[in-house]
C-alpha cells in the first residue's frame, strides 16, 4: 500500500485557502451553493481559478456573480431558456452529482462566471 502523497501539504494549503475564500464571500445560508453538488462544483472551480488559471478573485464580486446565477437558476422563468447559463446549470444540477457531463457543464458555467469577475 502506498501511503505517500508528495503534494499533500500543497493541496491542504490550497484547499484551506479556497475554503477561506468561500467564507469571505459570506454567501447566505439558504444559498444553493451549500447544496452538495453545487458546493463541490464551486470548490473545484474556485480552486481552478486561483491555482490553475492564476486568476485574482475578489470575494464580494464573486459572491455577487454567484448569487445572480443561482437566483436565475432557482427562478422558473429565468431558467426556462434551455441554452441560457441558468437553464443549462439547472438541468445539470438535476442530474446525479456523479454524472460527469453534468459536472463538466456546471464547471464550465461557474468558470465563465468567475473569470468574468476576476481582476
PDB file of N, CA and C in Angstrom:
ATOM      1  N   UNK A   1       0.843  -1.177   0.000  1.00  0.00           N
ATOM      2  CA  UNK A   1       0.000   0.000   0.000  1.00  0.00           C
ATOM      3  C   UNK A   1       0.892   1.246   0.000  1.00  0.00           C
ATOM      4  N   UNK A   2       0.554   2.205  -0.827  1.00  0.00           N
ATOM      5  CA  UNK A   2       1.332   3.435  -0.947  1.00  0.00           C
ATOM      6  C   UNK A   2       0.660   4.531  -0.129  1.00  0.00           C
ATOM      7  N   UNK A   3       1.272   4.896   1.006  1.00  0.00           N
ATOM      8  CA  UNK A   3       0.709   5.913   1.877  1.00  0.00           C
ATOM      9  C   UNK A   3       1.301   7.288   1.628  1.00  0.00           C
ATOM     10  N   UNK A   4       2.187   7.393   0.654  1.00  0.00           N
ATOM     11  CA  UNK A   4       2.828   8.670   0.370  1.00  0.00           C
ATOM     12  C   UNK A   4       1.996   9.482  -0.613  1.00  0.00           C
ATOM     13  N   UNK A   5       1.914  10.765  -0.355  1.00  0.00           N
ATOM     14  CA  UNK A   5       1.255  11.700  -1.255  1.00  0.00           C
ATOM     15  C   UNK A   5       2.080  12.973  -1.203  1.00  0.00           C
ATOM     16  N   UNK A   6       3.054  13.102  -2.098  1.00  0.00           N
ATOM     17  CA  UNK A   6       4.014  14.197  -2.005  1.00  0.00           C
ATOM     18  C   UNK A   6       3.404  15.592  -2.101  1.00  0.00           C
ATOM     19  N   UNK A   7       2.244  15.730  -2.691  1.00  0.00           N
ATOM     20  CA  UNK A   7       1.620  17.047  -2.842  1.00  0.00           C
ATOM     21  C   UNK A   7       0.635  17.359  -1.715  1.00  0.00           C
ATOM     22  N   UNK A   8       0.618  16.543  -0.693  1.00  0.00           N
ATOM     23  CA  UNK A   8      -0.354  16.689   0.383  1.00  0.00           C
ATOM     24  C   UNK A   8      -0.327  18.081   1.022  1.00  0.00           C
ATOM     25  N   UNK A   9       0.832  18.574   1.380  1.00  0.00           N
ATOM     26  CA  UNK A   9       0.934  19.875   2.053  1.00  0.00           C
ATOM     27  C   UNK A   9       0.430  20.994   1.147  1.00  0.00           C
ATOM     28  N   UNK A  10       0.801  20.951  -0.124  1.00  0.00           N
ATOM     29  CA  UNK A  10       0.336  21.971  -1.071  1.00  0.00           C
ATOM     30  C   UNK A  10      -1.181  21.918  -1.229  1.00  0.00           C
ATOM     31  N   UNK A  11      -1.704  20.713  -1.381  1.00  0.00           N
ATOM     32  CA  UNK A  11      -3.144  20.567  -1.567  1.00  0.00           C
ATOM     33  C   UNK A  11      -3.906  21.022  -0.327  1.00  0.00           C
ATOM     34  N   UNK A  12      -3.416  20.686   0.850  1.00  0.00           N
ATOM     35  CA  UNK A  12      -4.065  21.133   2.088  1.00  0.00           C
ATOM     36  C   UNK A  12      -4.068  22.656   2.176  1.00  0.00           C
ATOM     37  N   UNK A  13      -2.940  23.282   1.856  1.00  0.00           N
ATOM     38  CA  UNK A  13      -2.839  24.741   1.894  1.00  0.00           C
ATOM     39  C   UNK A  13      -3.811  25.373   0.893  1.00  0.00           C
ATOM     40  N   UNK A  14      -3.862  24.826  -0.320  1.00  0.00           N
ATOM     41  CA  UNK A  14      -4.744  25.361  -1.355  1.00  0.00           C
ATOM     42  C   UNK A  14      -6.212  25.175  -0.979  1.00  0.00           C
ATOM     43  N   UNK A  15      -6.563  24.007  -0.467  1.00  0.00           N
ATOM     44  CA  UNK A  15      -7.946  23.757  -0.067  1.00  0.00           C
ATOM     45  C   UNK A  15      -8.347  24.676   1.085  1.00  0.00           C
ATOM     46  N   UNK A  16      -7.450  24.875   2.040  1.00  0.00           N
ATOM     47  CA  UNK A  16      -7.729  25.818   3.134  1.00  0.00           C
ATOM     48  C   UNK A  16      -7.988  27.216   2.589  1.00  0.00           C
ATOM     49  N   UNK A  17      -7.192  27.639   1.613  1.00  0.00           N
ATOM     50  CA  UNK A  17      -7.363  28.971   1.019  1.00  0.00           C
ATOM     51  C   UNK A  17      -8.692  29.071   0.276  1.00  0.00           C
ATOM     52  N   UNK A  18      -9.087  28.021  -0.420  1.00  0.00           N
ATOM     53  CA  UNK A  18     -10.369  28.014  -1.130  1.00  0.00           C
ATOM     54  C   UNK A  18     -11.516  28.110  -0.127  1.00  0.00           C
ATOM     55  N   UNK A  19     -11.441  27.343   0.954  1.00  0.00           N
ATOM     56  CA  UNK A  19     -12.497  27.387   1.966  1.00  0.00           C
ATOM     57  C   UNK A  19     -12.551  28.747   2.659  1.00  0.00           C
ATOM     58  N   UNK A  20     -11.402  29.358   2.886  1.00  0.00           N
ATOM     59  CA  UNK A  20     -11.373  30.714   3.443  1.00  0.00           C
ATOM     60  C   UNK A  20     -11.993  31.709   2.464  1.00  0.00           C
ATOM     61  N   UNK A  21     -11.735  31.526   1.177  1.00  0.00           N
ATOM     62  CA  UNK A  21     -12.329  32.390   0.158  1.00  0.00           C
ATOM     63  C   UNK A  21     -13.852  32.247   0.176  1.00  0.00           C
ATOM     64  N   UNK A  22     -14.339  31.013   0.243  1.00  0.00           N
ATOM     65  CA  UNK A  22     -15.792  30.790   0.311  1.00  0.00           C
ATOM     66  C   UNK A  22     -16.380  31.455   1.548  1.00  0.00           C
ATOM     67  N   UNK A  23     -15.696  31.355   2.655  1.00  0.00           N
ATOM     68  CA  UNK A  23     -16.153  32.005   3.880  1.00  0.00           C
ATOM     69  C   UNK A  23     -16.186  33.524   3.700  1.00  0.00           C
ATOM     70  N   UNK A  24     -15.169  34.076   3.049  1.00  0.00           N
ATOM     71  CA  UNK A  24     -15.084  35.523   2.825  1.00  0.00           C
ATOM     72  C   UNK A  24     -16.185  36.018   1.892  1.00  0.00           C
ATOM     73  N   UNK A  25     -16.741  35.129   1.080  1.00  0.00           N
ATOM     74  CA  UNK A  25     -17.840  35.535   0.192  1.00  0.00           C
ATOM     75  C   UNK A  25     -19.121  35.806   0.978  1.00  0.00           C
ATOM     76  N   UNK A  26     -19.215  35.250   2.165  1.00  0.00           N
ATOM     77  CA  UNK A  26     -20.377  35.471   3.036  1.00  0.00           C
ATOM     78  C   UNK A  26     -21.708  35.223   2.306  1.00  0.00           C
ATOM     79  N   UNK A  27     -21.765  34.082   1.646  1.00  0.00           N
ATOM     80  CA  UNK A  27     -22.992  33.714   0.939  1.00  0.00           C
ATOM     81  C   UNK A  27     -24.075  33.360   1.948  1.00  0.00           C
ATOM     82  N   UNK A  28     -25.318  33.702   1.655  1.00  0.00           N
ATOM     83  CA  UNK A  28     -26.412  33.403   2.598  1.00  0.00           C
ATOM     84  C   UNK A  28     -26.513  31.904   2.882  1.00  0.00           C
ATOM     85  N   UNK A  29     -26.925  31.586   4.083  1.00  0.00           N
ATOM     86  CA  UNK A  29     -27.017  30.171   4.467  1.00  0.00           C
ATOM     87  C   UNK A  29     -28.041  29.412   3.625  1.00  0.00           C
ATOM     88  N   UNK A  30     -29.007  30.119   3.049  1.00  0.00           N
ATOM     89  CA  UNK A  30     -30.015  29.467   2.215  1.00  0.00           C
ATOM     90  C   UNK A  30     -29.579  29.364   0.755  1.00  0.00           C
ATOM     91  N   UNK A  31     -28.370  29.831   0.443  1.00  0.00           N
ATOM     92  CA  UNK A  31     -27.905  29.814  -0.943  1.00  0.00           C
ATOM     93  C   UNK A  31     -27.770  28.395  -1.459  1.00  0.00           C
ATOM     94  N   UNK A  32     -28.046  28.261  -2.719  1.00  0.00           N
ATOM     95  CA  UNK A  32     -27.911  26.980  -3.404  1.00  0.00           C
ATOM     96  C   UNK A  32     -26.464  26.478  -3.370  1.00  0.00           C
ATOM     97  N   UNK A  33     -25.498  27.365  -3.162  1.00  0.00           N
ATOM     98  CA  UNK A  33     -24.090  26.960  -3.139  1.00  0.00           C
ATOM     99  C   UNK A  33     -23.837  25.901  -2.070  1.00  0.00           C
ATOM    100  N   UNK A  34     -24.640  25.874  -1.027  1.00  0.00           N
ATOM    101  CA  UNK A  34     -24.414  24.928   0.068  1.00  0.00           C
ATOM    102  C   UNK A  34     -25.003  23.552  -0.196  1.00  0.00           C
ATOM    103  N   UNK A  35     -25.669  23.371  -1.347  1.00  0.00           N
ATOM    104  CA  UNK A  35     -26.120  22.029  -1.728  1.00  0.00           C
ATOM    105  C   UNK A  35     -24.907  21.239  -2.204  1.00  0.00           C
ATOM    106  N   UNK A  36     -24.903  19.952  -1.937  1.00  0.00           N
ATOM    107  CA  UNK A  36     -23.714  19.123  -2.150  1.00  0.00           C
ATOM    108  C   UNK A  36     -23.073  19.284  -3.532  1.00  0.00           C
ATOM    109  N   UNK A  37     -23.825  19.060  -4.589  1.00  0.00           N
ATOM    110  CA  UNK A  37     -23.250  19.114  -5.934  1.00  0.00           C
ATOM    111  C   UNK A  37     -22.774  20.527  -6.268  1.00  0.00           C
ATOM    112  N   UNK A  38     -23.543  21.527  -5.854  1.00  0.00           N
ATOM    113  CA  UNK A  38     -23.173  22.913  -6.132  1.00  0.00           C
ATOM    114  C   UNK A  38     -21.913  23.298  -5.360  1.00  0.00           C
ATOM    115  N   UNK A  39     -21.835  22.906  -4.109  1.00  0.00           N
ATOM    116  CA  UNK A  39     -20.670  23.222  -3.290  1.00  0.00           C
ATOM    117  C   UNK A  39     -19.414  22.575  -3.869  1.00  0.00           C
ATOM    118  N   UNK A  40     -19.520  21.325  -4.234  1.00  0.00           N
ATOM    119  CA  UNK A  40     -18.377  20.637  -4.828  1.00  0.00           C
ATOM    120  C   UNK A  40     -17.915  21.364  -6.093  1.00  0.00           C
ATOM    121  N   UNK A  41     -18.854  21.740  -6.942  1.00  0.00           N
ATOM    122  CA  UNK A  41     -18.507  22.441  -8.181  1.00  0.00           C
ATOM    123  C   UNK A  41     -17.837  23.781  -7.894  1.00  0.00           C
ATOM    124  N   UNK A  42     -18.358  24.530  -6.930  1.00  0.00           N
ATOM    125  CA  UNK A  42     -17.773  25.833  -6.594  1.00  0.00           C
ATOM    126  C   UNK A  42     -16.364  25.656  -6.029  1.00  0.00           C
ATOM    127  N   UNK A  43     -16.174  24.687  -5.157  1.00  0.00           N
ATOM    128  CA  UNK A  43     -14.837  24.442  -4.593  1.00  0.00           C
ATOM    129  C   UNK A  43     -13.848  24.130  -5.717  1.00  0.00           C
ATOM    130  N   UNK A  44     -14.225  23.241  -6.614  1.00  0.00           N
ATOM    131  CA  UNK A  44     -13.344  22.861  -7.722  1.00  0.00           C
ATOM    132  C   UNK A  44     -13.039  24.061  -8.610  1.00  0.00           C
ATOM    133  N   UNK A  45     -14.054  24.850  -8.937  1.00  0.00           N
ATOM    134  CA  UNK A  45     -13.836  25.966  -9.866  1.00  0.00           C
ATOM    135  C   UNK A  45     -13.119  27.143  -9.223  1.00  0.00           C
ATOM    136  N   UNK A  46     -13.345  27.397  -7.942  1.00  0.00           N
ATOM    137  CA  UNK A  46     -12.572  28.444  -7.258  1.00  0.00           C
ATOM    138  C   UNK A  46     -11.106  28.003  -7.185  1.00  0.00           C
ATOM    139  N   UNK A  47     -10.870  26.745  -6.862  1.00  0.00           N
ATOM    140  CA  UNK A  47      -9.503  26.236  -6.830  1.00  0.00           C
ATOM    141  C   UNK A  47      -8.852  26.378  -8.202  1.00  0.00           C
ATOM    142  N   UNK A  48      -9.565  25.985  -9.230  1.00  0.00           N
ATOM    143  CA  UNK A  48      -9.030  26.083 -10.582  1.00  0.00           C
ATOM    144  C   UNK A  48      -8.711  27.529 -10.951  1.00  0.00           C
ATOM    145  N   UNK A  49      -9.603  28.447 -10.604  1.00  0.00           N
ATOM    146  CA  UNK A  49      -9.378  29.860 -10.913  1.00  0.00           C
ATOM    147  C   UNK A  49      -8.135  30.382 -10.196  1.00  0.00           C
ATOM    148  N   UNK A  50      -8.025  30.076  -8.914  1.00  0.00           N
ATOM    149  CA  UNK A  50      -6.929  30.620  -8.112  1.00  0.00           C
ATOM    150  C   UNK A  50      -5.587  29.946  -8.384  1.00  0.00           C
ATOM    151  N   UNK A  51      -5.590  28.622  -8.573  1.00  0.00           N
ATOM    152  CA  UNK A  51      -4.333  27.879  -8.615  1.00  0.00           C
ATOM    153  C   UNK A  51      -3.960  27.303  -9.971  1.00  0.00           C
ATOM    154  N   UNK A  52      -4.902  27.127 -10.847  1.00  0.00           N
ATOM    155  CA  UNK A  52      -4.582  26.591 -12.179  1.00  0.00           C
ATOM    156  C   UNK A  52      -4.522  27.713 -13.215  1.00  0.00           C
ATOM    157  N   UNK A  53      -5.528  28.598 -13.181  1.00  0.00           N
ATOM    158  CA  UNK A  53      -5.591  29.685 -14.156  1.00  0.00           C
ATOM    159  C   UNK A  53      -5.021  30.990 -13.592  1.00  0.00           C
ATOM    160  N   UNK A  54      -4.608  30.965 -12.308  1.00  0.00           N
ATOM    161  CA  UNK A  54      -3.947  32.089 -11.634  1.00  0.00           C
ATOM    162  C   UNK A  54      -4.726  33.394 -11.736  1.00  0.00           C
ATOM    163  N   UNK A  55      -6.040  33.302 -11.521  1.00  0.00           N
ATOM    164  CA  UNK A  55      -6.916  34.476 -11.532  1.00  0.00           C
ATOM    165  C   UNK A  55      -6.899  35.121 -10.152  1.00  0.00           C
ATOM    166  N   UNK A  56      -7.070  36.418 -10.138  1.00  0.00           N
ATOM    167  CA  UNK A  56      -7.211  37.150  -8.887  1.00  0.00           C
ATOM    168  C   UNK A  56      -8.703  37.395  -8.677  1.00  0.00           C
ATOM    169  N   UNK A  57      -9.257  36.755  -7.645  1.00  0.00           N
ATOM    170  CA  UNK A  57     -10.699  36.855  -7.397  1.00  0.00           C
ATOM    171  C   UNK A  57     -10.968  37.701  -6.164  1.00  0.00           C
ATOM    172  N   UNK A  58     -11.984  38.521  -6.267  1.00  0.00           N
ATOM    173  CA  UNK A  58     -12.470  39.323  -5.156  1.00  0.00           C
ATOM    174  C   UNK A  58     -13.695  38.609  -4.588  1.00  0.00           C
ATOM    175  N   UNK A  59     -13.713  38.310  -3.282  1.00  0.00           N
ATOM    176  CA  UNK A  59     -14.832  37.539  -2.722  1.00  0.00           C
ATOM    177  C   UNK A  59     -16.196  38.209  -2.901  1.00  0.00           C
ATOM    178  N   UNK A  60     -16.250  39.537  -2.761  1.00  0.00           N
ATOM    179  CA  UNK A  60     -17.540  40.237  -2.887  1.00  0.00           C
ATOM    180  C   UNK A  60     -18.069  40.154  -4.321  1.00  0.00           C
ATOM    181  N   UNK A  61     -17.178  40.363  -5.289  1.00  0.00           N
ATOM    182  CA  UNK A  61     -17.606  40.300  -6.689  1.00  0.00           C
ATOM    183  C   UNK A  61     -17.984  38.878  -7.084  1.00  0.00           C
ATOM    184  N   UNK A  62     -17.216  37.908  -6.622  1.00  0.00           N
ATOM    185  CA  UNK A  62     -17.537  36.505  -6.912  1.00  0.00           C
ATOM    186  C   UNK A  62     -18.875  36.130  -6.288  1.00  0.00           C
ATOM    187  N   UNK A  63     -19.097  36.567  -5.049  1.00  0.00           N
ATOM    188  CA  UNK A  63     -20.363  36.262  -4.370  1.00  0.00           C
ATOM    189  C   UNK A  63     -21.537  36.874  -5.123  1.00  0.00           C
ATOM    190  N   UNK A  64     -21.409  38.124  -5.535  1.00  0.00           N
ATOM    191  CA  UNK A  64     -22.493  38.788  -6.260  1.00  0.00           C
ATOM    192  C   UNK A  64     -22.813  38.044  -7.561  1.00  0.00           C
ATOM    193  N   UNK A  65     -21.782  37.606  -8.268  1.00  0.00           N
ATOM    194  CA  UNK A  65     -21.982  36.886  -9.527  1.00  0.00           C
ATOM    195  C   UNK A  65     -22.653  35.535  -9.293  1.00  0.00           C
ATOM    196  N   UNK A  66     -22.235  34.834  -8.237  1.00  0.00           N
ATOM    197  CA  UNK A  66     -22.845  33.532  -7.939  1.00  0.00           C
ATOM    198  C   UNK A  66     -24.275  33.695  -7.453  1.00  0.00           C
ATOM    199  N   UNK A  67     -24.528  34.697  -6.629  1.00  0.00           N
ATOM    200  CA  UNK A  67     -25.899  34.944  -6.159  1.00  0.00           C
ATOM    201  C   UNK A  67     -26.804  35.248  -7.349  1.00  0.00           C
ATOM    202  N   UNK A  68     -26.294  36.027  -8.308  1.00  0.00           N
ATOM    203  CA  UNK A  68     -27.062  36.330  -9.516  1.00  0.00           C
ATOM    204  C   UNK A  68     -27.355  35.056 -10.300  1.00  0.00           C
ATOM    205  N   UNK A  69     -26.333  34.241 -10.531  1.00  0.00           N
ATOM    206  CA  UNK A  69     -26.532  32.985 -11.259  1.00  0.00           C
ATOM    207  C   UNK A  69     -27.537  32.095 -10.546  1.00  0.00           C
ATOM    208  N   UNK A  70     -27.329  31.868  -9.255  1.00  0.00           N
ATOM    209  CA  UNK A  70     -28.206  30.954  -8.523  1.00  0.00           C
ATOM    210  C   UNK A  70     -29.629  31.497  -8.417  1.00  0.00           C
ATOM    211  N   UNK A  71     -29.779  32.815  -8.366  1.00  0.00           N
ATOM    212  CA  UNK A  71     -31.122  33.402  -8.384  1.00  0.00           C
ATOM    213  C   UNK A  71     -31.844  33.065  -9.677  1.00  0.00           C
ATOM    214  N   UNK A  72     -31.124  33.149 -10.786  1.00  0.00           N
ATOM    215  CA  UNK A  72     -31.708  32.804 -12.091  1.00  0.00           C
ATOM    216  C   UNK A  72     -31.992  31.311 -12.182  1.00  0.00           C
ATOM    217  N   UNK A  73     -31.094  30.496 -11.666  1.00  0.00           N
ATOM    218  CA  UNK A  73     -31.278  29.039 -11.695  1.00  0.00           C
ATOM    219  C   UNK A  73     -32.521  28.651 -10.897  1.00  0.00           C
ATOM    220  N   UNK A  74     -32.756  29.321  -9.785  1.00  0.00           N
ATOM    221  CA  UNK A  74     -33.901  28.991  -8.928  1.00  0.00           C
ATOM    222  C   UNK A  74     -35.213  29.605  -9.403  1.00  0.00           C
ATOM    223  N   UNK A  75     -35.170  30.498 -10.390  1.00  0.00           N
ATOM    224  CA  UNK A  75     -36.363  31.160 -10.910  1.00  0.00           C
ATOM    225  C   UNK A  75     -36.848  30.415 -12.161  1.00  0.00           C
ATOM    226  N   UNK A  76     -38.037  29.788 -12.079  1.00  0.00           N
ATOM    227  CA  UNK A  76     -38.522  29.000 -13.229  1.00  0.00           C
ATOM    228  C   UNK A  76     -38.584  29.789 -14.536  1.00  0.00           C
ATOM    229  N   UNK A  77     -38.900  31.064 -14.461  1.00  0.00           N
ATOM    230  CA  UNK A  77     -38.962  31.876 -15.681  1.00  0.00           C
ATOM    231  C   UNK A  77     -37.575  32.084 -16.279  1.00  0.00           C
ATOM    232  N   UNK A  78     -36.613  32.388 -15.422  1.00  0.00           N
ATOM    233  CA  UNK A  78     -35.260  32.697 -15.890  1.00  0.00           C
ATOM    234  C   UNK A  78     -34.553  31.459 -16.430  1.00  0.00           C
ATOM    235  N   UNK A  79     -34.856  30.309 -15.873  1.00  0.00           N
ATOM    236  CA  UNK A  79     -34.170  29.085 -16.322  1.00  0.00           C
ATOM    237  C   UNK A  79     -34.915  28.393 -17.459  1.00  0.00           C
ATOM    238  N   UNK A  80     -36.025  28.978 -17.910  1.00  0.00           N
ATOM    239  CA  UNK A  80     -36.833  28.324 -18.946  1.00  0.00           C
ATOM    240  C   UNK A  80     -36.150  28.309 -20.313  1.00  0.00           C
ATOM    241  N   UNK A  81     -35.209  29.225 -20.549  1.00  0.00           N
ATOM    242  CA  UNK A  81     -34.452  29.218 -21.801  1.00  0.00           C
ATOM    243  C   UNK A  81     -33.367  28.146 -21.688  1.00  0.00           C
ATOM    244  N   UNK A  82     -33.510  27.036 -22.407  1.00  0.00           N
ATOM    245  CA  UNK A  82     -32.601  25.901 -22.216  1.00  0.00           C
ATOM    246  C   UNK A  82     -31.139  26.179 -22.565  1.00  0.00           C
ATOM    247  N   UNK A  83     -30.864  27.168 -23.398  1.00  0.00           N
ATOM    248  CA  UNK A  83     -29.482  27.461 -23.777  1.00  0.00           C
ATOM    249  C   UNK A  83     -28.841  28.542 -22.909  1.00  0.00           C
ATOM    250  N   UNK A  84     -29.602  29.128 -21.985  1.00  0.00           N
ATOM    251  CA  UNK A  84     -29.039  30.127 -21.080  1.00  0.00           C
ATOM    252  C   UNK A  84     -28.185  29.422 -20.023  1.00  0.00           C
ATOM    253  N   UNK A  85     -27.285  30.177 -19.395  1.00  0.00           N
ATOM    254  CA  UNK A  85     -26.489  29.595 -18.309  1.00  0.00           C
ATOM    255  C   UNK A  85     -27.400  29.044 -17.222  1.00  0.00           C
ATOM    256  N   UNK A  86     -28.442  29.795 -16.880  1.00  0.00           N
ATOM    257  CA  UNK A  86     -29.361  29.346 -15.825  1.00  0.00           C
ATOM    258  C   UNK A  86     -30.063  28.056 -16.227  1.00  0.00           C
ATOM    259  N   UNK A  87     -30.528  27.981 -17.470  1.00  0.00           N
ATOM    260  CA  UNK A  87     -31.215  26.777 -17.950  1.00  0.00           C
ATOM    261  C   UNK A  87     -30.294  25.567 -17.998  1.00  0.00           C
ATOM    262  N   UNK A  88     -29.080  25.781 -18.507  1.00  0.00           N
ATOM    263  CA  UNK A  88     -28.109  24.685 -18.597  1.00  0.00           C
ATOM    264  C   UNK A  88     -27.664  24.233 -17.203  1.00  0.00           C
ATOM    265  N   UNK A  89     -27.409  25.212 -16.319  1.00  0.00           N
ATOM    266  CA  UNK A  89     -26.971  24.871 -14.968  1.00  0.00           C
ATOM    267  C   UNK A  89     -28.069  24.103 -14.237  1.00  0.00           C
ATOM    268  N   UNK A  90     -29.312  24.581 -14.351  1.00  0.00           N
ATOM    269  CA  UNK A  90     -30.436  23.920 -13.675  1.00  0.00           C
ATOM    270  C   UNK A  90     -30.558  22.471 -14.141  1.00  0.00           C
ATOM    271  N   UNK A  91     -30.501  22.268 -15.442  1.00  0.00           N
ATOM    272  CA  UNK A  91     -30.607  20.902 -15.981  1.00  0.00           C
ATOM    273  C   UNK A  91     -29.456  20.043 -15.465  1.00  0.00           C
ATOM    274  N   UNK A  92     -28.249  20.615 -15.460  1.00  0.00           N
ATOM    275  CA  UNK A  92     -27.081  19.863 -14.984  1.00  0.00           C
ATOM    276  C   UNK A  92     -27.172  19.591 -13.486  1.00  0.00           C
ATOM    277  N   UNK A  93     -27.772  20.495 -12.737  1.00  0.00           N
ATOM    278  CA  UNK A  93     -27.902  20.311 -11.284  1.00  0.00           C
ATOM    279  C   UNK A  93     -28.915  19.221 -10.945  1.00  0.00           C
ATOM    280  N   UNK A  94     -29.875  18.998 -11.837  1.00  0.00           N
ATOM    281  CA  UNK A  94     -30.866  17.945 -11.593  1.00  0.00           C
ATOM    282  C   UNK A  94     -30.273  16.554 -11.758  1.00  0.00           C
ATOM    283  N   UNK A  95     -29.208  16.465 -12.544  1.00  0.00           N
ATOM    284  CA  UNK A  95     -28.566  15.175 -12.783  1.00  0.00           C
ATOM    285  C   UNK A  95     -27.810  14.746 -11.526  1.00  0.00           C
ATOM    286  N   UNK A  96     -27.495  13.507 -11.461  1.00  0.00           N
ATOM    287  CA  UNK A  96     -26.741  12.988 -10.321  1.00  0.00           C
ATOM    288  C   UNK A  96     -25.390  13.700 -10.229  1.00  0.00           C
ATOM    289  N   UNK A  97     -24.921  13.931  -9.013  1.00  0.00           N
ATOM    290  CA  UNK A  97     -23.653  14.650  -8.833  1.00  0.00           C
ATOM    291  C   UNK A  97     -22.466  13.849  -9.368  1.00  0.00           C
ATOM    292  N   UNK A  98     -22.657  12.544  -9.581  1.00  0.00           N
ATOM    293  CA  UNK A  98     -21.558  11.747 -10.116  1.00  0.00           C
ATOM    294  C   UNK A  98     -21.642  11.594 -11.635  1.00  0.00           C
ATOM    295  N   UNK A  99     -22.565  12.304 -12.274  1.00  0.00           N
ATOM    296  CA  UNK A  99     -22.682  12.297 -13.727  1.00  0.00           C
ATOM    297  C   UNK A  99     -21.651  13.268 -14.300  1.00  0.00           C
ATOM    298  N   UNK A 100     -20.664  12.743 -15.000  1.00  0.00           N
ATOM    299  CA  UNK A 100     -19.537  13.551 -15.460  1.00  0.00           C
ATOM    300  C   UNK A 100     -19.973  14.707 -16.342  1.00  0.00           C
ATOM    301  N   UNK A 101     -20.858  14.482 -17.307  1.00  0.00           N
ATOM    302  CA  UNK A 101     -21.236  15.561 -18.222  1.00  0.00           C
ATOM    303  C   UNK A 101     -21.934  16.697 -17.473  1.00  0.00           C
ATOM    304  N   UNK A 102     -22.694  16.376 -16.455  1.00  0.00           N
ATOM    305  CA  UNK A 102     -23.346  17.419 -15.650  1.00  0.00           C
ATOM    306  C   UNK A 102     -22.326  18.199 -14.838  1.00  0.00           C
ATOM    307  N   UNK A 103     -21.340  17.506 -14.286  1.00  0.00           N
ATOM    308  CA  UNK A 103     -20.267  18.194 -13.549  1.00  0.00           C
ATOM    309  C   UNK A 103     -19.505  19.133 -14.473  1.00  0.00           C
ATOM    310  N   UNK A 104     -19.225  18.664 -15.684  1.00  0.00           N
ATOM    311  CA  UNK A 104     -18.494  19.486 -16.652  1.00  0.00           C
ATOM    312  C   UNK A 104     -19.313  20.731 -17.002  1.00  0.00           C
ATOM    313  N   UNK A 105     -20.598  20.556 -17.256  1.00  0.00           N
ATOM    314  CA  UNK A 105     -21.461  21.699 -17.597  1.00  0.00           C
ATOM    315  C   UNK A 105     -21.488  22.715 -16.467  1.00  0.00           C
ATOM    316  N   UNK A 106     -21.707  22.244 -15.236  1.00  0.00           N
ATOM    317  CA  UNK A 106     -21.716  23.174 -14.087  1.00  0.00           C
ATOM    318  C   UNK A 106     -20.366  23.878 -13.971  1.00  0.00           C
ATOM    319  N   UNK A 107     -19.288  23.130 -14.144  1.00  0.00           N
ATOM    320  CA  UNK A 107     -17.952  23.695 -14.045  1.00  0.00           C
ATOM    321  C   UNK A 107     -17.682  24.744 -15.101  1.00  0.00           C
ATOM    322  N   UNK A 108     -18.087  24.489 -16.350  1.00  0.00           N
ATOM    323  CA  UNK A 108     -17.878  25.460 -17.424  1.00  0.00           C
ATOM    324  C   UNK A 108     -18.611  26.768 -17.137  1.00  0.00           C
ATOM    325  N   UNK A 109     -19.831  26.651 -16.662  1.00  0.00           N
ATOM    326  CA  UNK A 109     -20.628  27.849 -16.360  1.00  0.00           C
ATOM    327  C   UNK A 109     -20.002  28.614 -15.208  1.00  0.00           C
ATOM    328  N   UNK A 110     -19.628  27.918 -14.146  1.00  0.00           N
ATOM    329  CA  UNK A 110     -19.002  28.580 -13.000  1.00  0.00           C
ATOM    330  C   UNK A 110     -17.665  29.202 -13.388  1.00  0.00           C
ATOM    331  N   UNK A 111     -16.898  28.515 -14.211  1.00  0.00           N
ATOM    332  CA  UNK A 111     -15.611  29.054 -14.653  1.00  0.00           C
ATOM    333  C   UNK A 111     -15.821  30.365 -15.397  1.00  0.00           C
ATOM    334  N   UNK A 112     -16.787  30.392 -16.296  1.00  0.00           N
ATOM    335  CA  UNK A 112     -17.072  31.605 -17.066  1.00  0.00           C
ATOM    336  C   UNK A 112     -17.513  32.746 -16.140  1.00  0.00           C
ATOM    337  N   UNK A 113     -18.350  32.421 -15.153  1.00  0.00           N
ATOM    338  CA  UNK A 113     -18.843  33.437 -14.205  1.00  0.00           C
ATOM    339  C   UNK A 113     -17.666  33.987 -13.388  1.00  0.00           C
ATOM    340  N   UNK A 114     -16.842  33.099 -12.839  1.00  0.00           N
ATOM    341  CA  UNK A 114     -15.712  33.537 -12.024  1.00  0.00           C
ATOM    342  C   UNK A 114     -14.703  34.321 -12.853  1.00  0.00           C
ATOM    343  N   UNK A 115     -14.431  33.871 -14.064  1.00  0.00           N
ATOM    344  CA  UNK A 115     -13.493  34.599 -14.926  1.00  0.00           C
ATOM    345  C   UNK A 115     -14.009  36.000 -15.254  1.00  0.00           C
ATOM    346  N   UNK A 116     -15.328  36.135 -15.349  1.00  0.00           N
ATOM    347  CA  UNK A 116     -15.893  37.440 -15.701  1.00  0.00           C
ATOM    348  C   UNK A 116     -15.735  38.475 -14.596  1.00  0.00           C
ATOM    349  N   UNK A 117     -15.520  38.024 -13.366  1.00  0.00           N
ATOM    350  CA  UNK A 117     -15.355  38.967 -12.244  1.00  0.00           C
ATOM    351  C   UNK A 117     -13.927  39.010 -11.717  1.00  0.00           C
ATOM    352  N   UNK A 118     -13.026  38.270 -12.375  1.00  0.00           N
ATOM    353  CA  UNK A 118     -11.620  38.268 -11.941  1.00  0.00           C
ATOM    354  C   UNK A 118     -10.968  39.604 -12.277  1.00  0.00           C
ATOM    355  N   UNK A 119     -10.001  39.982 -11.456  1.00  0.00           N
ATOM    356  CA  UNK A 119      -9.254  41.226 -11.708  1.00  0.00           C
ATOM    357  C   UNK A 119      -8.243  41.027 -12.810  1.00  0.00           C
TER     358      UNK A 119
END
